[in-house]
Every structure is written in C-alpha cells, then in structure tokens.
All heavy atoms as atom14 arrays in JSON, in Angstrom:
{
  "sequence": "MLGASVEAYDDQHEPVVGALGELVITRPMPSMPIGFWGDT",
  "atom14_mask": [
    [1, 1, 1, 1, 1, 1, 1, 1, 0, 0, 0, 0, 0, 0],
    [1, 1, 1, 1, 1, 1, 1, 1, 0, 0, 0, 0, 0, 0],
    [1, 1, 1, 1, 0, 0, 0, 0, 0, 0, 0, 0, 0, 0],
    [1, 1, 1, 1, 1, 0, 0, 0, 0, 0, 0, 0, 0, 0],
    [1, 1, 1, 1, 1, 1, 0, 0, 0, 0, 0, 0, 0, 0],
    [1, 1, 1, 1, 1, 1, 1, 0, 0, 0, 0, 0, 0, 0],
    [1, 1, 1, 1, 1, 1, 1, 1, 1, 0, 0, 0, 0, 0],
    [1, 1, 1, 1, 1, 0, 0, 0, 0, 0, 0, 0, 0, 0],
    [1, 1, 1, 1, 1, 1, 1, 1, 1, 1, 1, 1, 0, 0],
    [1, 1, 1, 1, 1, 1, 1, 1, 0, 0, 0, 0, 0, 0],
    [1, 1, 1, 1, 1, 1, 1, 1, 0, 0, 0, 0, 0, 0],
    [1, 1, 1, 1, 1, 1, 1, 1, 1, 0, 0, 0, 0, 0],
    [1, 1, 1, 1, 1, 1, 1, 1, 1, 1, 0, 0, 0, 0],
    [1, 1, 1, 1, 1, 1, 1, 1, 1, 0, 0, 0, 0, 0],
    [1, 1, 1, 1, 1, 1, 1, 0, 0, 0, 0, 0, 0, 0],
    [1, 1, 1, 1, 1, 1, 1, 0, 0, 0, 0, 0, 0, 0],
    [1, 1, 1, 1, 1, 1, 1, 0, 0, 0, 0, 0, 0, 0],
    [1, 1, 1, 1, 0, 0, 0, 0, 0, 0, 0, 0, 0, 0],
    [1, 1, 1, 1, 1, 0, 0, 0, 0, 0, 0, 0, 0, 0],
    [1, 1, 1, 1, 1, 1, 1, 1, 0, 0, 0, 0, 0, 0],
    [1, 1, 1, 1, 0, 0, 0, 0, 0, 0, 0, 0, 0, 0],
    [1, 1, 1, 1, 1, 1, 1, 1, 1, 0, 0, 0, 0, 0],
    [1, 1, 1, 1, 1, 1, 1, 1, 0, 0, 0, 0, 0, 0],
    [1, 1, 1, 1, 1, 1, 1, 0, 0, 0, 0, 0, 0, 0],
    [1, 1, 1, 1, 1, 1, 1, 1, 0, 0, 0, 0, 0, 0],
    [1, 1, 1, 1, 1, 1, 1, 0, 0, 0, 0, 0, 0, 0],
    [1, 1, 1, 1, 1, 1, 1, 1, 1, 1, 1, 0, 0, 0],
    [1, 1, 1, 1, 1, 1, 1, 0, 0, 0, 0, 0, 0, 0],
    [1, 1, 1, 1, 1, 1, 1, 1, 0, 0, 0, 0, 0, 0],
    [1, 1, 1, 1, 1, 1, 1, 0, 0, 0, 0, 0, 0, 0],
    [1, 1, 1, 1, 1, 1, 0, 0, 0, 0, 0, 0, 0, 0],
    [1, 1, 1, 1, 1, 1, 1, 1, 0, 0, 0, 0, 0, 0],
    [1, 1, 1, 1, 1, 1, 1, 0, 0, 0, 0, 0, 0, 0],
    [1, 1, 1, 1, 1, 1, 1, 1, 0, 0, 0, 0, 0, 0],
    [1, 1, 1, 1, 0, 0, 0, 0, 0, 0, 0, 0, 0, 0],
    [1, 1, 1, 1, 1, 1, 1, 1, 1, 1, 1, 0, 0, 0],
    [1, 1, 1, 1, 1, 1, 1, 1, 1, 1, 1, 1, 1, 1],
    [1, 1, 1, 1, 0, 0, 0, 0, 0, 0, 0, 0, 0, 0],
    [1, 1, 1, 1, 1, 1, 1, 1, 0, 0, 0, 0, 0, 0],
    [1, 1, 1, 1, 1, 1, 1, 0, 0, 0, 0, 0, 0, 0]
  ],
  "atom14_positions": [
    [[103.36, -78.03, -13.88], [104.49, -78.94, -13.7], [104.61, -79.36, -12.23], [104.3, -78.58, -11.31], [105.79, -78.27, -14.16], [105.78, -77.9, -15.64], [105.57, -79.3, -16.75], [107.05, -79.17, -17.73], [0.0, 0.0, 0.0], [0.0, 0.0, 0.0], [0.0, 0.0, 0.0], [0.0, 0.0, 0.0], [0.0, 0.0, 0.0], [0.0, 0.0, 0.0]],
    [[105.07, -80.57, -12.02], [105.26, -81.07, -10.67], [106.2, -80.16, -9.89], [107.22, -79.71, -10.4], [105.83, -82.49, -10.7], [104.93, -83.56, -11.33], [105.67, -84.89, -11.43], [103.62, -83.72, -10.53], [0.0, 0.0, 0.0], [0.0, 0.0, 0.0], [0.0, 0.0, 0.0], [0.0, 0.0, 0.0], [0.0, 0.0, 0.0], [0.0, 0.0, 0.0]],
    [[105.83, -79.89, -8.65], [106.66, -79.04, -7.81], [106.51, -77.56, -8.07], [107.13, -76.75, -7.37], [0.0, 0.0, 0.0], [0.0, 0.0, 0.0], [0.0, 0.0, 0.0], [0.0, 0.0, 0.0], [0.0, 0.0, 0.0], [0.0, 0.0, 0.0], [0.0, 0.0, 0.0], [0.0, 0.0, 0.0], [0.0, 0.0, 0.0], [0.0, 0.0, 0.0]],
    [[105.71, -77.17, -9.07], [105.49, -75.76, -9.4], [104.1, -75.36, -8.92], [103.09, -75.74, -9.52], [105.63, -75.53, -10.9], [0.0, 0.0, 0.0], [0.0, 0.0, 0.0], [0.0, 0.0, 0.0], [0.0, 0.0, 0.0], [0.0, 0.0, 0.0], [0.0, 0.0, 0.0], [0.0, 0.0, 0.0], [0.0, 0.0, 0.0], [0.0, 0.0, 0.0]],
    [[104.04, -74.61, -7.84], [102.77, -74.23, -7.22], [102.18, -73.03, -7.96], [102.18, -71.9, -7.47], [102.97, -73.91, -5.74], [101.74, -73.64, -5.11], [0.0, 0.0, 0.0], [0.0, 0.0, 0.0], [0.0, 0.0, 0.0], [0.0, 0.0, 0.0], [0.0, 0.0, 0.0], [0.0, 0.0, 0.0], [0.0, 0.0, 0.0], [0.0, 0.0, 0.0]],
    [[101.69, -73.29, -9.16], [101.17, -72.25, -10.05], [99.71, -71.98, -9.71], [98.9, -72.9, -9.6], [101.3, -72.69, -11.52], [100.68, -71.65, -12.45], [102.75, -72.95, -11.89], [0.0, 0.0, 0.0], [0.0, 0.0, 0.0], [0.0, 0.0, 0.0], [0.0, 0.0, 0.0], [0.0, 0.0, 0.0], [0.0, 0.0, 0.0], [0.0, 0.0, 0.0]],
    [[99.38, -70.7, -9.58], [97.99, -70.29, -9.4], [97.7, -69.1, -10.3], [98.63, -68.39, -10.73], [97.71, -69.9, -7.94], [97.93, -70.99, -6.91], [96.88, -72.09, -6.95], [95.9, -71.98, -7.73], [97.03, -73.07, -6.19], [0.0, 0.0, 0.0], [0.0, 0.0, 0.0], [0.0, 0.0, 0.0], [0.0, 0.0, 0.0], [0.0, 0.0, 0.0]],
    [[96.42, -68.88, -10.59], [95.96, -67.66, -11.24], [95.34, -66.78, -10.17], [94.37, -67.2, -9.51], [94.94, -67.98, -12.33], [0.0, 0.0, 0.0], [0.0, 0.0, 0.0], [0.0, 0.0, 0.0], [0.0, 0.0, 0.0], [0.0, 0.0, 0.0], [0.0, 0.0, 0.0], [0.0, 0.0, 0.0], [0.0, 0.0, 0.0], [0.0, 0.0, 0.0]],
    [[95.9, -65.59, -9.96], [95.39, -64.69, -8.93], [94.52, -63.6, -9.55], [94.87, -63.02, -10.57], [96.55, -64.02, -8.19], [97.02, -64.73, -6.94], [96.66, -66.05, -6.68], [97.83, -64.08, -6.02], [97.1, -66.69, -5.53], [98.27, -64.71, -4.86], [97.91, -66.02, -4.63], [98.35, -66.65, -3.49], [0.0, 0.0, 0.0], [0.0, 0.0, 0.0]],
    [[93.39, -63.33, -8.88], [92.55, -62.22, -9.32], [93.07, -60.91, -8.72], [94.14, -60.88, -8.07], [91.09, -62.47, -8.97], [90.83, -62.53, -7.46], [91.72, -62.13, -6.67], [89.74, -62.98, -7.07], [0.0, 0.0, 0.0], [0.0, 0.0, 0.0], [0.0, 0.0, 0.0], [0.0, 0.0, 0.0], [0.0, 0.0, 0.0], [0.0, 0.0, 0.0]],
    [[92.31, -59.83, -8.88], [92.78, -58.52, -8.42], [92.9, -58.44, -6.9], [93.6, -57.58, -6.37], [91.81, -57.42, -8.9], [91.88, -57.22, -10.4], [92.9, -57.61, -11.0], [90.91, -56.68, -10.98], [0.0, 0.0, 0.0], [0.0, 0.0, 0.0], [0.0, 0.0, 0.0], [0.0, 0.0, 0.0], [0.0, 0.0, 0.0], [0.0, 0.0, 0.0]],
    [[92.2, -59.35, -6.19], [92.3, -59.39, -4.73], [93.35, -60.39, -4.25], [93.42, -60.72, -3.07], [90.93, -59.75, -4.11], [89.92, -58.61, -4.13], [89.41, -58.3, -5.53], [89.01, -59.22, -6.26], [89.44, -57.04, -5.91], [0.0, 0.0, 0.0], [0.0, 0.0, 0.0], [0.0, 0.0, 0.0], [0.0, 0.0, 0.0], [0.0, 0.0, 0.0]],
    [[94.17, -60.87, -5.19], [95.23, -61.84, -4.88], [94.67, -63.13, -4.3], [95.26, -63.76, -3.42], [96.27, -61.24, -3.93], [96.94, -60.01, -4.46], [97.64, -59.12, -3.67], [97.02, -59.52, -5.73], [98.11, -58.13, -4.42], [97.76, -58.37, -5.68], [0.0, 0.0, 0.0], [0.0, 0.0, 0.0], [0.0, 0.0, 0.0], [0.0, 0.0, 0.0]],
    [[93.53, -63.55, -4.87], [92.92, -64.82, -4.51], [92.97, -65.74, -5.73], [92.79, -65.3, -6.87], [91.47, -64.64, -4.07], [91.31, -63.83, -2.79], [91.88, -64.56, -1.58], [91.92, -65.81, -1.6], [92.28, -63.88, -0.63], [0.0, 0.0, 0.0], [0.0, 0.0, 0.0], [0.0, 0.0, 0.0], [0.0, 0.0, 0.0], [0.0, 0.0, 0.0]],
    [[93.21, -67.05, -5.51], [93.27, -67.97, -6.66], [91.91, -68.14, -7.32], [90.88, -68.21, -6.64], [93.75, -69.28, -6.04], [93.43, -69.18, -4.58], [93.48, -67.73, -4.24], [0.0, 0.0, 0.0], [0.0, 0.0, 0.0], [0.0, 0.0, 0.0], [0.0, 0.0, 0.0], [0.0, 0.0, 0.0], [0.0, 0.0, 0.0], [0.0, 0.0, 0.0]],
    [[91.92, -68.18, -8.66], [90.68, -68.38, -9.41], [90.89, -69.52, -10.4], [92.0, -69.78, -10.88], [90.25, -67.11, -10.17], [89.84, -66.03, -9.2], [91.37, -66.6, -11.09], [0.0, 0.0, 0.0], [0.0, 0.0, 0.0], [0.0, 0.0, 0.0], [0.0, 0.0, 0.0], [0.0, 0.0, 0.0], [0.0, 0.0, 0.0], [0.0, 0.0, 0.0]],
    [[89.81, -70.23, -10.71], [89.81, -71.31, -11.69], [88.78, -70.97, -12.76], [87.67, -70.51, -12.45], [89.49, -72.67, -11.04], [89.35, -73.76, -12.1], [90.57, -73.04, -10.03], [0.0, 0.0, 0.0], [0.0, 0.0, 0.0], [0.0, 0.0, 0.0], [0.0, 0.0, 0.0], [0.0, 0.0, 0.0], [0.0, 0.0, 0.0], [0.0, 0.0, 0.0]],
    [[89.16, -71.16, -14.01], [88.24, -70.88, -15.1], [88.12, -69.41, -15.44], [87.24, -69.02, -16.21], [0.0, 0.0, 0.0], [0.0, 0.0, 0.0], [0.0, 0.0, 0.0], [0.0, 0.0, 0.0], [0.0, 0.0, 0.0], [0.0, 0.0, 0.0], [0.0, 0.0, 0.0], [0.0, 0.0, 0.0], [0.0, 0.0, 0.0], [0.0, 0.0, 0.0]],
    [[89.01, -68.59, -14.89], [89.0, -67.16, -15.17], [90.43, -66.67, -15.32], [91.37, -67.25, -14.75], [88.3, -66.39, -14.04], [0.0, 0.0, 0.0], [0.0, 0.0, 0.0], [0.0, 0.0, 0.0], [0.0, 0.0, 0.0], [0.0, 0.0, 0.0], [0.0, 0.0, 0.0], [0.0, 0.0, 0.0], [0.0, 0.0, 0.0], [0.0, 0.0, 0.0]],
    [[90.59, -65.6, -16.08], [91.91, -65.05, -16.32], [92.47, -64.46, -15.04], [91.78, -63.77, -14.29], [91.82, -63.96, -17.39], [93.13, -63.42, -17.96], [93.83, -64.5, -18.77], [92.86, -62.2, -18.84], [0.0, 0.0, 0.0], [0.0, 0.0, 0.0], [0.0, 0.0, 0.0], [0.0, 0.0, 0.0], [0.0, 0.0, 0.0], [0.0, 0.0, 0.0]],
    [[93.74, -64.76, -14.77], [94.39, -64.23, -13.58], [95.87, -64.05, -13.8], [96.44, -64.43, -14.83], [0.0, 0.0, 0.0], [0.0, 0.0, 0.0], [0.0, 0.0, 0.0], [0.0, 0.0, 0.0], [0.0, 0.0, 0.0], [0.0, 0.0, 0.0], [0.0, 0.0, 0.0], [0.0, 0.0, 0.0], [0.0, 0.0, 0.0], [0.0, 0.0, 0.0]],
    [[96.51, -63.47, -12.81], [97.96, -63.24, -12.83], [98.66, -64.54, -12.47], [98.32, -65.19, -11.48], [98.3, -62.16, -11.81], [99.75, -61.77, -11.76], [100.09, -60.65, -12.72], [99.33, -59.67, -12.8], [101.12, -60.77, -13.39], [0.0, 0.0, 0.0], [0.0, 0.0, 0.0], [0.0, 0.0, 0.0], [0.0, 0.0, 0.0], [0.0, 0.0, 0.0]],
    [[99.64, -64.95, -13.29], [100.38, -66.18, -13.0], [101.32, -65.93, -11.83], [102.21, -65.07, -11.9], [101.18, -66.62, -14.23], [101.79, -68.03, -14.2], [102.12, -68.49, -15.62], [103.04, -68.16, -13.34], [0.0, 0.0, 0.0], [0.0, 0.0, 0.0], [0.0, 0.0, 0.0], [0.0, 0.0, 0.0], [0.0, 0.0, 0.0], [0.0, 0.0, 0.0]],
    [[101.12, -66.69, -10.77], [101.98, -66.58, -9.59], [102.44, -67.97, -9.17], [101.83, -68.99, -9.5], [101.25, -65.9, -8.41], [100.83, -64.49, -8.76], [100.05, -66.72, -7.96], [0.0, 0.0, 0.0], [0.0, 0.0, 0.0], [0.0, 0.0, 0.0], [0.0, 0.0, 0.0], [0.0, 0.0, 0.0], [0.0, 0.0, 0.0], [0.0, 0.0, 0.0]],
    [[103.56, -67.98, -8.41], [104.07, -69.2, -7.79], [104.03, -68.98, -6.29], [104.64, -68.03, -5.78], [105.52, -69.51, -8.25], [105.67, -69.36, -9.76], [105.93, -70.9, -7.78], [104.85, -70.31, -10.57], [0.0, 0.0, 0.0], [0.0, 0.0, 0.0], [0.0, 0.0, 0.0], [0.0, 0.0, 0.0], [0.0, 0.0, 0.0], [0.0, 0.0, 0.0]],
    [[103.31, -69.84, -5.58], [103.06, -69.59, -4.17], [103.98, -70.37, -3.23], [103.95, -70.14, -2.01], [101.6, -69.93, -3.82], [101.37, -71.32, -4.06], [100.64, -69.1, -4.66], [0.0, 0.0, 0.0], [0.0, 0.0, 0.0], [0.0, 0.0, 0.0], [0.0, 0.0, 0.0], [0.0, 0.0, 0.0], [0.0, 0.0, 0.0], [0.0, 0.0, 0.0]],
    [[104.76, -71.3, -3.76], [105.72, -72.05, -2.95], [107.06, -72.08, -3.68], [107.1, -72.0, -4.91], [105.25, -73.51, -2.71], [103.89, -73.67, -2.05], [103.87, -73.18, -0.6], [104.76, -73.89, 0.29], [104.42, -75.0, 0.97], [103.21, -75.53, 0.83], [105.28, -75.55, 1.8], [0.0, 0.0, 0.0], [0.0, 0.0, 0.0], [0.0, 0.0, 0.0]],
    [[108.15, -72.2, -2.97], [109.46, -72.15, -3.63], [109.72, -73.35, -4.53], [109.16, -74.43, -4.35], [110.46, -72.11, -2.47], [109.72, -72.67, -1.29], [108.28, -72.31, -1.5], [0.0, 0.0, 0.0], [0.0, 0.0, 0.0], [0.0, 0.0, 0.0], [0.0, 0.0, 0.0], [0.0, 0.0, 0.0], [0.0, 0.0, 0.0], [0.0, 0.0, 0.0]],
    [[110.57, -73.13, -5.53], [111.08, -74.18, -6.41], [112.6, -74.2, -6.28], [113.23, -73.15, -6.13], [110.7, -73.91, -7.87], [109.22, -73.96, -8.17], [108.83, -73.36, -9.84], [109.74, -74.55, -10.88], [0.0, 0.0, 0.0], [0.0, 0.0, 0.0], [0.0, 0.0, 0.0], [0.0, 0.0, 0.0], [0.0, 0.0, 0.0], [0.0, 0.0, 0.0]],
    [[113.23, -75.39, -6.37], [114.69, -75.45, -6.2], [115.46, -74.64, -7.22], [116.58, -74.18, -6.93], [114.99, -76.95, -6.34], [113.71, -77.65, -6.07], [112.63, -76.73, -6.52], [0.0, 0.0, 0.0], [0.0, 0.0, 0.0], [0.0, 0.0, 0.0], [0.0, 0.0, 0.0], [0.0, 0.0, 0.0], [0.0, 0.0, 0.0], [0.0, 0.0, 0.0]],
    [[114.9, -74.45, -8.43], [115.65, -73.74, -9.46], [115.33, -72.25, -9.52], [115.75, -71.57, -10.46], [115.41, -74.37, -10.84], [114.06, -74.2, -11.25], [0.0, 0.0, 0.0], [0.0, 0.0, 0.0], [0.0, 0.0, 0.0], [0.0, 0.0, 0.0], [0.0, 0.0, 0.0], [0.0, 0.0, 0.0], [0.0, 0.0, 0.0], [0.0, 0.0, 0.0]],
    [[114.58, -71.75, -8.53], [114.49, -70.29, -8.42], [115.9, -69.75, -8.23], [116.77, -70.43, -7.67], [113.57, -69.89, -7.27], [112.1, -70.05, -7.61], [111.02, -69.61, -6.24], [109.41, -69.71, -7.04], [0.0, 0.0, 0.0], [0.0, 0.0, 0.0], [0.0, 0.0, 0.0], [0.0, 0.0, 0.0], [0.0, 0.0, 0.0], [0.0, 0.0, 0.0]],
    [[116.16, -68.54, -8.7], [117.54, -68.04, -8.66], [118.12, -68.0, -7.24], [117.4, -67.77, -6.26], [117.42, -66.62, -9.21], [116.14, -66.6, -9.98], [115.23, -67.57, -9.3], [0.0, 0.0, 0.0], [0.0, 0.0, 0.0], [0.0, 0.0, 0.0], [0.0, 0.0, 0.0], [0.0, 0.0, 0.0], [0.0, 0.0, 0.0], [0.0, 0.0, 0.0]],
    [[119.42, -68.24, -7.17], [120.13, -67.95, -5.92], [120.03, -66.46, -5.64], [119.97, -66.01, -4.5], [121.61, -68.36, -6.06], [121.74, -69.85, -6.32], [122.4, -67.96, -4.82], [123.12, -70.24, -6.77], [0.0, 0.0, 0.0], [0.0, 0.0, 0.0], [0.0, 0.0, 0.0], [0.0, 0.0, 0.0], [0.0, 0.0, 0.0], [0.0, 0.0, 0.0]],
    [[119.99, -65.69, -6.72], [119.89, -64.24, -6.64], [120.38, -63.64, -7.94], [120.54, -64.34, -8.95], [0.0, 0.0, 0.0], [0.0, 0.0, 0.0], [0.0, 0.0, 0.0], [0.0, 0.0, 0.0], [0.0, 0.0, 0.0], [0.0, 0.0, 0.0], [0.0, 0.0, 0.0], [0.0, 0.0, 0.0], [0.0, 0.0, 0.0], [0.0, 0.0, 0.0]],
    [[120.59, -62.34, -7.95], [121.2, -61.65, -9.08], [122.65, -61.34, -8.72], [122.94, -60.92, -7.6], [120.46, -60.34, -9.4], [119.05, -60.51, -9.87], [118.17, -59.44, -9.85], [118.58, -61.73, -10.35], [116.86, -59.57, -10.29], [117.27, -61.89, -10.78], [116.41, -60.8, -10.75], [0.0, 0.0, 0.0], [0.0, 0.0, 0.0], [0.0, 0.0, 0.0]],
    [[123.53, -61.52, -9.69], [124.95, -61.27, -9.44], [125.14, -59.8, -9.02], [124.63, -58.89, -9.67], [125.76, -61.57, -10.7], [127.24, -61.64, -10.4], [128.14, -60.62, -10.4], [127.96, -62.81, -10.03], [129.38, -61.07, -10.06], [129.3, -62.41, -9.82], [127.61, -64.14, -9.85], [130.3, -63.32, -9.45], [128.6, -65.05, -9.48], [129.92, -64.64, -9.29]],
    [[125.86, -59.6, -7.93], [126.16, -58.25, -7.47], [125.07, -57.62, -6.64], [125.26, -56.53, -6.08], [0.0, 0.0, 0.0], [0.0, 0.0, 0.0], [0.0, 0.0, 0.0], [0.0, 0.0, 0.0], [0.0, 0.0, 0.0], [0.0, 0.0, 0.0], [0.0, 0.0, 0.0], [0.0, 0.0, 0.0], [0.0, 0.0, 0.0], [0.0, 0.0, 0.0]],
    [[123.93, -58.27, -6.51], [122.79, -57.74, -5.75], [122.95, -58.21, -4.31], [122.23, -59.09, -3.83], [121.5, -58.25, -6.39], [120.24, -57.74, -5.71], [120.28, -56.65, -5.13], [119.21, -58.46, -5.77], [0.0, 0.0, 0.0], [0.0, 0.0, 0.0], [0.0, 0.0, 0.0], [0.0, 0.0, 0.0], [0.0, 0.0, 0.0], [0.0, 0.0, 0.0]],
    [[123.91, -57.62, -3.61], [124.35, -58.2, -2.33], [123.27, -58.22, -1.27], [123.22, -59.14, -0.44], [125.57, -57.41, -1.8], [125.25, -56.01, -1.79], [126.78, -57.63, -2.7], [0.0, 0.0, 0.0], [0.0, 0.0, 0.0], [0.0, 0.0, 0.0], [0.0, 0.0, 0.0], [0.0, 0.0, 0.0], [0.0, 0.0, 0.0], [0.0, 0.0, 0.0]]
  ]
}
C-alpha cells in the first residue's frame, strides 16, 4: 500500500525479495497508534 514501507526481513534483518521473510515496516505511517491507553 502507498505510504506503507513494507519489507520482508531475513534472519539477519536484511530485506529479501522472492523469499519468505518477517513482515516489517521500516518507516512510520500516520495511522500507527498514538500509543496504548495507560502506557504512560
């Protein structure tokens, strides 16, 4: 999605293409939470 810096990370936390990896977001998105309620 536009504005969603999605990458697949391998075990060394490097982006991979064409291989299974951990879904990560490497840049902020405006709708990321402000936080958790009460988590001061």
